[in-house]
Amino acid sequence: GIFGKNTENAMKSMVCKKRLIGYKYPNLTKFVQK
């Protein structure tokens, strides 16, 4: 539950966006959709 360097790096690298093939981060996408 702490926003540290590892969480920050994950946020930077795990971008949720529309992709042409498949959905790279389905659980993060659900988090965003909520």
PDB file of all heavy atoms in Angstrom:
ATOM      1  N   GLY A   1       0.791  -1.223   0.000  1.00  0.00           N
ATOM      2  CA  GLY A   1       0.000   0.000   0.000  1.00  0.00           C
ATOM      3  C   GLY A   1       0.822   1.271   0.000  1.00  0.00           C
ATOM      4  O   GLY A   1       0.292   2.363   0.150  1.00  0.00           O
ATOM      5  N   ILE A   2       2.133   1.140  -0.194  1.00  0.00           N
ATOM      6  CA  ILE A   2       3.031   2.297  -0.166  1.00  0.00           C
ATOM      7  C   ILE A   2       3.467   2.630  -1.586  1.00  0.00           C
ATOM      8  O   ILE A   2       3.860   1.749  -2.353  1.00  0.00           O
ATOM      9  CB  ILE A   2       4.259   2.013   0.717  1.00  0.00           C
ATOM     10  CG1 ILE A   2       3.812   1.766   2.157  1.00  0.00           C
ATOM     11  CG2 ILE A   2       5.266   3.156   0.633  1.00  0.00           C
ATOM     12  CD1 ILE A   2       4.918   1.271   3.064  1.00  0.00           C
ATOM     13  N   PHE A   3       3.408   3.908  -1.916  1.00  0.00           N
ATOM     14  CA  PHE A   3       3.872   4.359  -3.228  1.00  0.00           C
ATOM     15  C   PHE A   3       5.373   4.600  -3.143  1.00  0.00           C
ATOM     16  O   PHE A   3       5.833   5.643  -2.733  1.00  0.00           O
ATOM     17  CB  PHE A   3       3.147   5.633  -3.660  1.00  0.00           C
ATOM     18  CG  PHE A   3       3.618   6.147  -4.997  1.00  0.00           C
ATOM     19  CD1 PHE A   3       3.251   5.484  -6.162  1.00  0.00           C
ATOM     20  CD2 PHE A   3       4.429   7.253  -5.092  1.00  0.00           C
ATOM     21  CE1 PHE A   3       3.684   5.940  -7.398  1.00  0.00           C
ATOM     22  CE2 PHE A   3       4.866   7.725  -6.324  1.00  0.00           C
ATOM     23  CZ  PHE A   3       4.496   7.061  -7.478  1.00  0.00           C
ATOM     24  N   GLY A   4       6.130   3.578  -3.525  1.00  0.00           N
ATOM     25  CA  GLY A   4       7.582   3.658  -3.514  1.00  0.00           C
ATOM     26  C   GLY A   4       8.136   3.605  -4.921  1.00  0.00           C
ATOM     27  O   GLY A   4       7.398   3.647  -5.910  1.00  0.00           O
ATOM     28  N   LYS A   5       9.445   3.493  -5.012  1.00  0.00           N
ATOM     29  CA  LYS A   5      10.131   3.510  -6.309  1.00  0.00           C
ATOM     30  C   LYS A   5       9.682   2.370  -7.218  1.00  0.00           C
ATOM     31  O   LYS A   5       9.483   2.574  -8.413  1.00  0.00           O
ATOM     32  CB  LYS A   5      11.650   3.448  -6.078  1.00  0.00           C
ATOM     33  CG  LYS A   5      12.449   3.837  -7.278  1.00  0.00           C
ATOM     34  CD  LYS A   5      12.244   5.297  -7.583  1.00  0.00           C
ATOM     35  CE  LYS A   5      13.167   5.767  -8.686  1.00  0.00           C
ATOM     36  NZ  LYS A   5      12.800   7.099  -9.158  1.00  0.00           N
ATOM     37  N   ASN A   6       9.513   1.160  -6.667  1.00  0.00           N
ATOM     38  CA  ASN A   6       9.096   0.025  -7.505  1.00  0.00           C
ATOM     39  C   ASN A   6       7.694   0.223  -8.067  1.00  0.00           C
ATOM     40  O   ASN A   6       7.433  -0.083  -9.226  1.00  0.00           O
ATOM     41  CB  ASN A   6       9.178  -1.284  -6.719  1.00  0.00           C
ATOM     42  CG  ASN A   6      10.605  -1.690  -6.436  1.00  0.00           C
ATOM     43  OD1 ASN A   6      11.528  -1.306  -7.150  1.00  0.00           O
ATOM     44  ND2 ASN A   6      10.802  -2.461  -5.388  1.00  0.00           N
ATOM     45  N   THR A   7       6.789   0.736  -7.239  1.00  0.00           N
ATOM     46  CA  THR A   7       5.427   0.999  -7.719  1.00  0.00           C
ATOM     47  C   THR A   7       5.454   2.101  -8.772  1.00  0.00           C
ATOM     48  O   THR A   7       4.789   1.998  -9.801  1.00  0.00           O
ATOM     49  CB  THR A   7       4.502   1.381  -6.547  1.00  0.00           C
ATOM     50  OG1 THR A   7       4.474   0.294  -5.616  1.00  0.00           O
ATOM     51  CG2 THR A   7       3.086   1.668  -7.028  1.00  0.00           C
ATOM     52  N   GLU A   8       6.229   3.138  -8.527  1.00  0.00           N
ATOM     53  CA  GLU A   8       6.353   4.229  -9.499  1.00  0.00           C
ATOM     54  C   GLU A   8       6.888   3.710 -10.836  1.00  0.00           C
ATOM     55  O   GLU A   8       6.360   4.053 -11.898  1.00  0.00           O
ATOM     56  CB  GLU A   8       7.271   5.320  -8.955  1.00  0.00           C
ATOM     57  CG  GLU A   8       7.417   6.497  -9.901  1.00  0.00           C
ATOM     58  CD  GLU A   8       8.292   7.599  -9.336  1.00  0.00           C
ATOM     59  OE1 GLU A   8       9.034   7.369  -8.359  1.00  0.00           O
ATOM     60  OE2 GLU A   8       8.242   8.710  -9.893  1.00  0.00           O
ATOM     61  N   ASN A   9       7.905   2.868 -10.792  1.00  0.00           N
ATOM     62  CA  ASN A   9       8.461   2.308 -12.028  1.00  0.00           C
ATOM     63  C   ASN A   9       7.442   1.446 -12.760  1.00  0.00           C
ATOM     64  O   ASN A   9       7.373   1.470 -13.987  1.00  0.00           O
ATOM     65  CB  ASN A   9       9.732   1.516 -11.729  1.00  0.00           C
ATOM     66  CG  ASN A   9      10.897   2.407 -11.372  1.00  0.00           C
ATOM     67  OD1 ASN A   9      10.933   3.584 -11.718  1.00  0.00           O
ATOM     68  ND2 ASN A   9      11.861   1.855 -10.653  1.00  0.00           N
ATOM     69  N   ALA A  10       6.641   0.680 -12.011  1.00  0.00           N
ATOM     70  CA  ALA A  10       5.592  -0.130 -12.642  1.00  0.00           C
ATOM     71  C   ALA A  10       4.569   0.772 -13.316  1.00  0.00           C
ATOM     72  O   ALA A  10       4.130   0.497 -14.435  1.00  0.00           O
ATOM     73  CB  ALA A  10       4.920  -1.034 -11.613  1.00  0.00           C
ATOM     74  N   MET A  11       4.192   1.868 -12.649  1.00  0.00           N
ATOM     75  CA  MET A  11       3.232   2.804 -13.244  1.00  0.00           C
ATOM     76  C   MET A  11       3.780   3.393 -14.546  1.00  0.00           C
ATOM     77  O   MET A  11       3.039   3.606 -15.491  1.00  0.00           O
ATOM     78  CB  MET A  11       2.892   3.925 -12.265  1.00  0.00           C
ATOM     79  CG  MET A  11       1.981   3.515 -11.159  1.00  0.00           C
ATOM     80  SD  MET A  11       1.641   4.932 -10.077  1.00  0.00           S
ATOM     81  CE  MET A  11       0.432   4.213  -8.979  1.00  0.00           C
ATOM     82  N   LYS A  12       5.062   3.666 -14.567  1.00  0.00           N
ATOM     83  CA  LYS A  12       5.677   4.243 -15.766  1.00  0.00           C
ATOM     84  C   LYS A  12       5.711   3.251 -16.923  1.00  0.00           C
ATOM     85  O   LYS A  12       5.555   3.635 -18.081  1.00  0.00           O
ATOM     86  CB  LYS A  12       7.100   4.708 -15.460  1.00  0.00           C
ATOM     87  CG  LYS A  12       7.170   5.946 -14.613  1.00  0.00           C
ATOM     88  CD  LYS A  12       8.623   6.308 -14.324  1.00  0.00           C
ATOM     89  CE  LYS A  12       8.725   7.529 -13.428  1.00  0.00           C
ATOM     90  NZ  LYS A  12      10.126   7.826 -13.063  1.00  0.00           N
ATOM     91  N   SER A  13       5.941   1.980 -16.601  1.00  0.00           N
ATOM     92  CA  SER A  13       6.134   1.003 -17.670  1.00  0.00           C
ATOM     93  C   SER A  13       4.869   0.257 -18.082  1.00  0.00           C
ATOM     94  O   SER A  13       4.781  -0.240 -19.200  1.00  0.00           O
ATOM     95  CB  SER A  13       7.203  -0.014 -17.257  1.00  0.00           C
ATOM     96  OG  SER A  13       6.746  -0.808 -16.182  1.00  0.00           O
ATOM     97  N   MET A  14       3.883   0.167 -17.203  1.00  0.00           N
ATOM     98  CA  MET A  14       2.687  -0.616 -17.489  1.00  0.00           C
ATOM     99  C   MET A  14       1.552   0.289 -17.954  1.00  0.00           C
ATOM    100  O   MET A  14       0.526   0.432 -17.313  1.00  0.00           O
ATOM    101  CB  MET A  14       2.283  -1.442 -16.264  1.00  0.00           C
ATOM    102  CG  MET A  14       3.365  -2.421 -15.833  1.00  0.00           C
ATOM    103  SD  MET A  14       2.945  -3.389 -14.373  1.00  0.00           S
ATOM    104  CE  MET A  14       2.019  -4.733 -15.145  1.00  0.00           C
ATOM    105  N   VAL A  15       1.738   0.884 -19.108  1.00  0.00           N
ATOM    106  CA  VAL A  15       0.752   1.815 -19.667  1.00  0.00           C
ATOM    107  C   VAL A  15      -0.435   1.032 -20.213  1.00  0.00           C
ATOM    108  O   VAL A  15      -0.265   0.076 -20.967  1.00  0.00           O
ATOM    109  CB  VAL A  15       1.391   2.666 -20.779  1.00  0.00           C
ATOM    110  CG1 VAL A  15       0.368   3.587 -21.428  1.00  0.00           C
ATOM    111  CG2 VAL A  15       2.564   3.471 -20.225  1.00  0.00           C
ATOM    112  N   CYS A  16      -1.634   1.439 -19.814  1.00  0.00           N
ATOM    113  CA  CYS A  16      -2.863   0.839 -20.347  1.00  0.00           C
ATOM    114  C   CYS A  16      -3.349   1.707 -21.492  1.00  0.00           C
ATOM    115  O   CYS A  16      -3.569   2.906 -21.327  1.00  0.00           O
ATOM    116  CB  CYS A  16      -3.943   0.756 -19.274  1.00  0.00           C
ATOM    117  SG  CYS A  16      -3.761  -0.650 -18.189  1.00  0.00           S
ATOM    118  N   LYS A  17      -3.493   1.083 -22.647  1.00  0.00           N
ATOM    119  CA  LYS A  17      -3.977   1.814 -23.812  1.00  0.00           C
ATOM    120  C   LYS A  17      -4.584   0.831 -24.790  1.00  0.00           C
ATOM    121  O   LYS A  17      -4.446  -0.379 -24.649  1.00  0.00           O
ATOM    122  CB  LYS A  17      -2.837   2.591 -24.467  1.00  0.00           C
ATOM    123  CG  LYS A  17      -1.708   1.719 -24.999  1.00  0.00           C
ATOM    124  CD  LYS A  17      -0.601   2.575 -25.572  1.00  0.00           C
ATOM    125  CE  LYS A  17       0.552   1.713 -26.068  1.00  0.00           C
ATOM    126  NZ  LYS A  17       1.610   2.533 -26.640  1.00  0.00           N
ATOM    127  N   LYS A  18      -5.244   1.390 -25.783  1.00  0.00           N
ATOM    128  CA  LYS A  18      -5.841   0.551 -26.818  1.00  0.00           C
ATOM    129  C   LYS A  18      -4.721  -0.028 -27.662  1.00  0.00           C
ATOM    130  O   LYS A  18      -3.821   0.678 -28.084  1.00  0.00           O
ATOM    131  CB  LYS A  18      -6.799   1.369 -27.681  1.00  0.00           C
ATOM    132  CG  LYS A  18      -7.554   0.509 -28.642  1.00  0.00           C
ATOM    133  CD  LYS A  18      -8.686   1.225 -29.290  1.00  0.00           C
ATOM    134  CE  LYS A  18      -9.405   0.212 -30.145  1.00  0.00           C
ATOM    135  NZ  LYS A  18     -10.018   0.749 -31.283  1.00  0.00           N
ATOM    136  N   ARG A  19      -4.777  -1.317 -27.874  1.00  0.00           N
ATOM    137  CA  ARG A  19      -3.758  -2.016 -28.667  1.00  0.00           C
ATOM    138  C   ARG A  19      -4.425  -2.713 -29.851  1.00  0.00           C
ATOM    139  O   ARG A  19      -5.599  -3.055 -29.794  1.00  0.00           O
ATOM    140  CB  ARG A  19      -3.044  -3.051 -27.797  1.00  0.00           C
ATOM    141  CG  ARG A  19      -2.325  -2.411 -26.632  1.00  0.00           C
ATOM    142  CD  ARG A  19      -1.661  -3.470 -25.761  1.00  0.00           C
ATOM    143  NE  ARG A  19      -1.098  -2.877 -24.574  1.00  0.00           N
ATOM    144  CZ  ARG A  19       0.090  -2.284 -24.515  1.00  0.00           C
ATOM    145  NH1 ARG A  19       0.826  -2.183 -25.581  1.00  0.00           N
ATOM    146  NH2 ARG A  19       0.529  -1.774 -23.386  1.00  0.00           N
ATOM    147  N   LEU A  20      -3.654  -2.920 -30.880  1.00  0.00           N
ATOM    148  CA  LEU A  20      -4.195  -3.581 -32.061  1.00  0.00           C
ATOM    149  C   LEU A  20      -4.427  -5.071 -31.837  1.00  0.00           C
ATOM    150  O   LEU A  20      -5.383  -5.633 -32.323  1.00  0.00           O
ATOM    151  CB  LEU A  20      -3.253  -3.380 -33.256  1.00  0.00           C
ATOM    152  CG  LEU A  20      -3.089  -1.937 -33.714  1.00  0.00           C
ATOM    153  CD1 LEU A  20      -2.066  -1.868 -34.850  1.00  0.00           C
ATOM    154  CD2 LEU A  20      -4.418  -1.355 -34.171  1.00  0.00           C
ATOM    155  N   ILE A  21      -3.524  -5.703 -31.101  1.00  0.00           N
ATOM    156  CA  ILE A  21      -3.646  -7.141 -30.878  1.00  0.00           C
ATOM    157  C   ILE A  21      -3.616  -7.426 -29.386  1.00  0.00           C
ATOM    158  O   ILE A  21      -2.639  -7.138 -28.706  1.00  0.00           O
ATOM    159  CB  ILE A  21      -2.497  -7.910 -31.560  1.00  0.00           C
ATOM    160  CG1 ILE A  21      -2.506  -7.631 -33.059  1.00  0.00           C
ATOM    161  CG2 ILE A  21      -2.599  -9.400 -31.283  1.00  0.00           C
ATOM    162  CD1 ILE A  21      -1.324  -8.191 -33.805  1.00  0.00           C
ATOM    163  N   GLY A  22      -4.695  -7.979 -28.865  1.00  0.00           N
ATOM    164  CA  GLY A  22      -4.742  -8.403 -27.471  1.00  0.00           C
ATOM    165  C   GLY A  22      -4.730  -7.274 -26.462  1.00  0.00           C
ATOM    166  O   GLY A  22      -4.678  -6.103 -26.812  1.00  0.00           O
ATOM    167  N   TYR A  23      -4.789  -7.635 -25.221  1.00  0.00           N
ATOM    168  CA  TYR A  23      -4.810  -6.685 -24.122  1.00  0.00           C
ATOM    169  C   TYR A  23      -3.709  -7.081 -23.156  1.00  0.00           C
ATOM    170  O   TYR A  23      -3.787  -8.109 -22.501  1.00  0.00           O
ATOM    171  CB  TYR A  23      -6.187  -6.661 -23.455  1.00  0.00           C
ATOM    172  CG  TYR A  23      -7.231  -6.245 -24.450  1.00  0.00           C
ATOM    173  CD1 TYR A  23      -7.966  -7.189 -25.151  1.00  0.00           C
ATOM    174  CD2 TYR A  23      -7.411  -4.911 -24.760  1.00  0.00           C
ATOM    175  CE1 TYR A  23      -8.886  -6.804 -26.110  1.00  0.00           C
ATOM    176  CE2 TYR A  23      -8.326  -4.521 -25.716  1.00  0.00           C
ATOM    177  CZ  TYR A  23      -9.056  -5.479 -26.390  1.00  0.00           C
ATOM    178  OH  TYR A  23      -9.939  -5.086 -27.338  1.00  0.00           O
ATOM    179  N   LYS A  24      -2.675  -6.280 -23.108  1.00  0.00           N
ATOM    180  CA  LYS A  24      -1.474  -6.633 -22.371  1.00  0.00           C
ATOM    181  C   LYS A  24      -1.685  -6.681 -20.859  1.00  0.00           C
ATOM    182  O   LYS A  24      -1.092  -7.499 -20.183  1.00  0.00           O
ATOM    183  CB  LYS A  24      -0.374  -5.629 -22.725  1.00  0.00           C
ATOM    184  CG  LYS A  24       0.989  -6.042 -22.264  1.00  0.00           C
ATOM    185  CD  LYS A  24       2.049  -5.173 -22.890  1.00  0.00           C
ATOM    186  CE  LYS A  24       3.423  -5.650 -22.495  1.00  0.00           C
ATOM    187  NZ  LYS A  24       4.475  -4.888 -23.105  1.00  0.00           N
ATOM    188  N   TYR A  25      -2.506  -5.793 -20.319  1.00  0.00           N
ATOM    189  CA  TYR A  25      -2.702  -5.699 -18.873  1.00  0.00           C
ATOM    190  C   TYR A  25      -4.184  -5.748 -18.518  1.00  0.00           C
ATOM    191  O   TYR A  25      -4.774  -4.732 -18.145  1.00  0.00           O
ATOM    192  CB  TYR A  25      -2.065  -4.415 -18.342  1.00  0.00           C
ATOM    193  CG  TYR A  25      -0.604  -4.266 -18.692  1.00  0.00           C
ATOM    194  CD1 TYR A  25      -0.156  -3.215 -19.476  1.00  0.00           C
ATOM    195  CD2 TYR A  25       0.326  -5.191 -18.228  1.00  0.00           C
ATOM    196  CE1 TYR A  25       1.190  -3.089 -19.792  1.00  0.00           C
ATOM    197  CE2 TYR A  25       1.670  -5.068 -18.544  1.00  0.00           C
ATOM    198  CZ  TYR A  25       2.093  -4.008 -19.327  1.00  0.00           C
ATOM    199  OH  TYR A  25       3.424  -3.890 -19.635  1.00  0.00           O
ATOM    200  N   PRO A  26      -4.821  -6.910 -18.592  1.00  0.00           N
ATOM    201  CA  PRO A  26      -6.265  -6.982 -18.348  1.00  0.00           C
ATOM    202  C   PRO A  26      -6.678  -6.585 -16.937  1.00  0.00           C
ATOM    203  O   PRO A  26      -7.733  -5.976 -16.749  1.00  0.00           O
ATOM    204  CB  PRO A  26      -6.624  -8.433 -18.656  1.00  0.00           C
ATOM    205  CG  PRO A  26      -5.348  -9.189 -18.525  1.00  0.00           C
ATOM    206  CD  PRO A  26      -4.262  -8.230 -18.916  1.00  0.00           C
ATOM    207  N   ASN A  27      -5.872  -6.901 -15.924  1.00  0.00           N
ATOM    208  CA  ASN A  27      -6.250  -6.554 -14.553  1.00  0.00           C
ATOM    209  C   ASN A  27      -6.082  -5.067 -14.280  1.00  0.00           C
ATOM    210  O   ASN A  27      -6.908  -4.460 -13.605  1.00  0.00           O
ATOM    211  CB  ASN A  27      -5.467  -7.413 -13.564  1.00  0.00           C
ATOM    212  CG  ASN A  27      -5.861  -8.866 -13.695  1.00  0.00           C
ATOM    213  OD1 ASN A  27      -6.956  -9.253 -13.336  1.00  0.00           O
ATOM    214  ND2 ASN A  27      -4.982  -9.669 -14.261  1.00  0.00           N
ATOM    215  N   LEU A  28      -5.031  -4.476 -14.827  1.00  0.00           N
ATOM    216  CA  LEU A  28      -4.885  -3.020 -14.709  1.00  0.00           C
ATOM    217  C   LEU A  28      -5.982  -2.319 -15.509  1.00  0.00           C
ATOM    218  O   LEU A  28      -6.482  -1.276 -15.090  1.00  0.00           O
ATOM    219  CB  LEU A  28      -3.505  -2.573 -15.181  1.00  0.00           C
ATOM    220  CG  LEU A  28      -2.377  -2.807 -14.188  1.00  0.00           C
ATOM    221  CD1 LEU A  28      -1.023  -2.497 -14.814  1.00  0.00           C
ATOM    222  CD2 LEU A  28      -2.571  -1.978 -12.931  1.00  0.00           C
ATOM    223  N   THR A  29      -6.364  -2.895 -16.640  1.00  0.00           N
ATOM    224  CA  THR A  29      -7.449  -2.314 -17.429  1.00  0.00           C
ATOM    225  C   THR A  29      -8.744  -2.326 -16.627  1.00  0.00           C
ATOM    226  O   THR A  29      -9.477  -1.323 -16.605  1.00  0.00           O
ATOM    227  CB  THR A  29      -7.611  -3.062 -18.764  1.00  0.00           C
ATOM    228  OG1 THR A  29      -6.394  -2.923 -19.513  1.00  0.00           O
ATOM    229  CG2 THR A  29      -8.765  -2.504 -19.579  1.00  0.00           C
ATOM    230  N   LYS A  30      -9.028  -3.414 -15.911  1.00  0.00           N
ATOM    231  CA  LYS A  30     -10.220  -3.445 -15.049  1.00  0.00           C
ATOM    232  C   LYS A  30     -10.132  -2.385 -13.957  1.00  0.00           C
ATOM    233  O   LYS A  30     -11.127  -1.744 -13.623  1.00  0.00           O
ATOM    234  CB  LYS A  30     -10.386  -4.835 -14.424  1.00  0.00           C
ATOM    235  CG  LYS A  30     -10.826  -5.891 -15.396  1.00  0.00           C
ATOM    236  CD  LYS A  30     -10.916  -7.249 -14.712  1.00  0.00           C
ATOM    237  CE  LYS A  30     -11.221  -8.353 -15.690  1.00  0.00           C
ATOM    238  NZ  LYS A  30     -11.252  -9.669 -15.037  1.00  0.00           N
ATOM    239  N   PHE A  31      -8.951  -2.213 -13.389  1.00  0.00           N
ATOM    240  CA  PHE A  31      -8.713  -1.189 -12.372  1.00  0.00           C
ATOM    241  C   PHE A  31      -9.041   0.201 -12.928  1.00  0.00           C
ATOM    242  O   PHE A  31      -9.731   0.994 -12.292  1.00  0.00           O
ATOM    243  CB  PHE A  31      -7.239  -1.289 -11.937  1.00  0.00           C
ATOM    244  CG  PHE A  31      -6.717  -0.175 -11.095  1.00  0.00           C
ATOM    245  CD1 PHE A  31      -7.123  -0.029  -9.777  1.00  0.00           C
ATOM    246  CD2 PHE A  31      -5.778   0.713 -11.595  1.00  0.00           C
ATOM    247  CE1 PHE A  31      -6.611   0.989  -8.980  1.00  0.00           C
ATOM    248  CE2 PHE A  31      -5.260   1.726 -10.812  1.00  0.00           C
ATOM    249  CZ  PHE A  31      -5.689   1.863  -9.507  1.00  0.00           C
ATOM    250  N   VAL A  32      -8.595   0.461 -14.148  1.00  0.00           N
ATOM    251  CA  VAL A  32      -8.866   1.739 -14.816  1.00  0.00           C
ATOM    252  C   VAL A  32     -10.353   1.858 -15.143  1.00  0.00           C
ATOM    253  O   VAL A  32     -10.972   2.909 -14.915  1.00  0.00           O
ATOM    254  CB  VAL A  32      -8.006   1.876 -16.090  1.00  0.00           C
ATOM    255  CG1 VAL A  32      -8.457   3.046 -16.945  1.00  0.00           C
ATOM    256  CG2 VAL A  32      -6.527   1.998 -15.722  1.00  0.00           C
ATOM    257  N   GLN A  33     -10.939   0.800 -15.675  1.00  0.00           N
ATOM    258  CA  GLN A  33     -12.354   0.836 -16.055  1.00  0.00           C
ATOM    259  C   GLN A  33     -13.235   1.143 -14.853  1.00  0.00           C
ATOM    260  O   GLN A  33     -14.203   1.905 -14.973  1.00  0.00           O
ATOM    261  CB  GLN A  33     -12.756  -0.496 -16.697  1.00  0.00           C
ATOM    262  CG  GLN A  33     -12.153  -0.679 -18.079  1.00  0.00           C
ATOM    263  CD  GLN A  33     -12.335  -2.070 -18.644  1.00  0.00           C
ATOM    264  OE1 GLN A  33     -12.292  -3.063 -17.916  1.00  0.00           O
ATOM    265  NE2 GLN A  33     -12.509  -2.155 -19.959  1.00  0.00           N
ATOM    266  N   LYS A  34     -12.909   0.590 -13.712  1.00  0.00           N
ATOM    267  CA  LYS A  34     -13.660   0.881 -12.491  1.00  0.00           C
ATOM    268  C   LYS A  34     -13.580   2.366 -12.159  1.00  0.00           C
ATOM    269  O   LYS A  34     -14.577   2.998 -11.824  1.00  0.00           O
ATOM    270  CB  LYS A  34     -13.107   0.047 -11.337  1.00  0.00           C
ATOM    271  CG  LYS A  34     -13.816   0.260 -10.028  1.00  0.00           C
ATOM    272  CD  LYS A  34     -13.227  -0.638  -8.953  1.00  0.00           C
ATOM    273  CE  LYS A  34     -13.923  -0.423  -7.620  1.00  0.00           C
ATOM    274  NZ  LYS A  34     -13.340  -1.282  -6.569  1.00  0.00           N
TER     275      LYS A  34
END
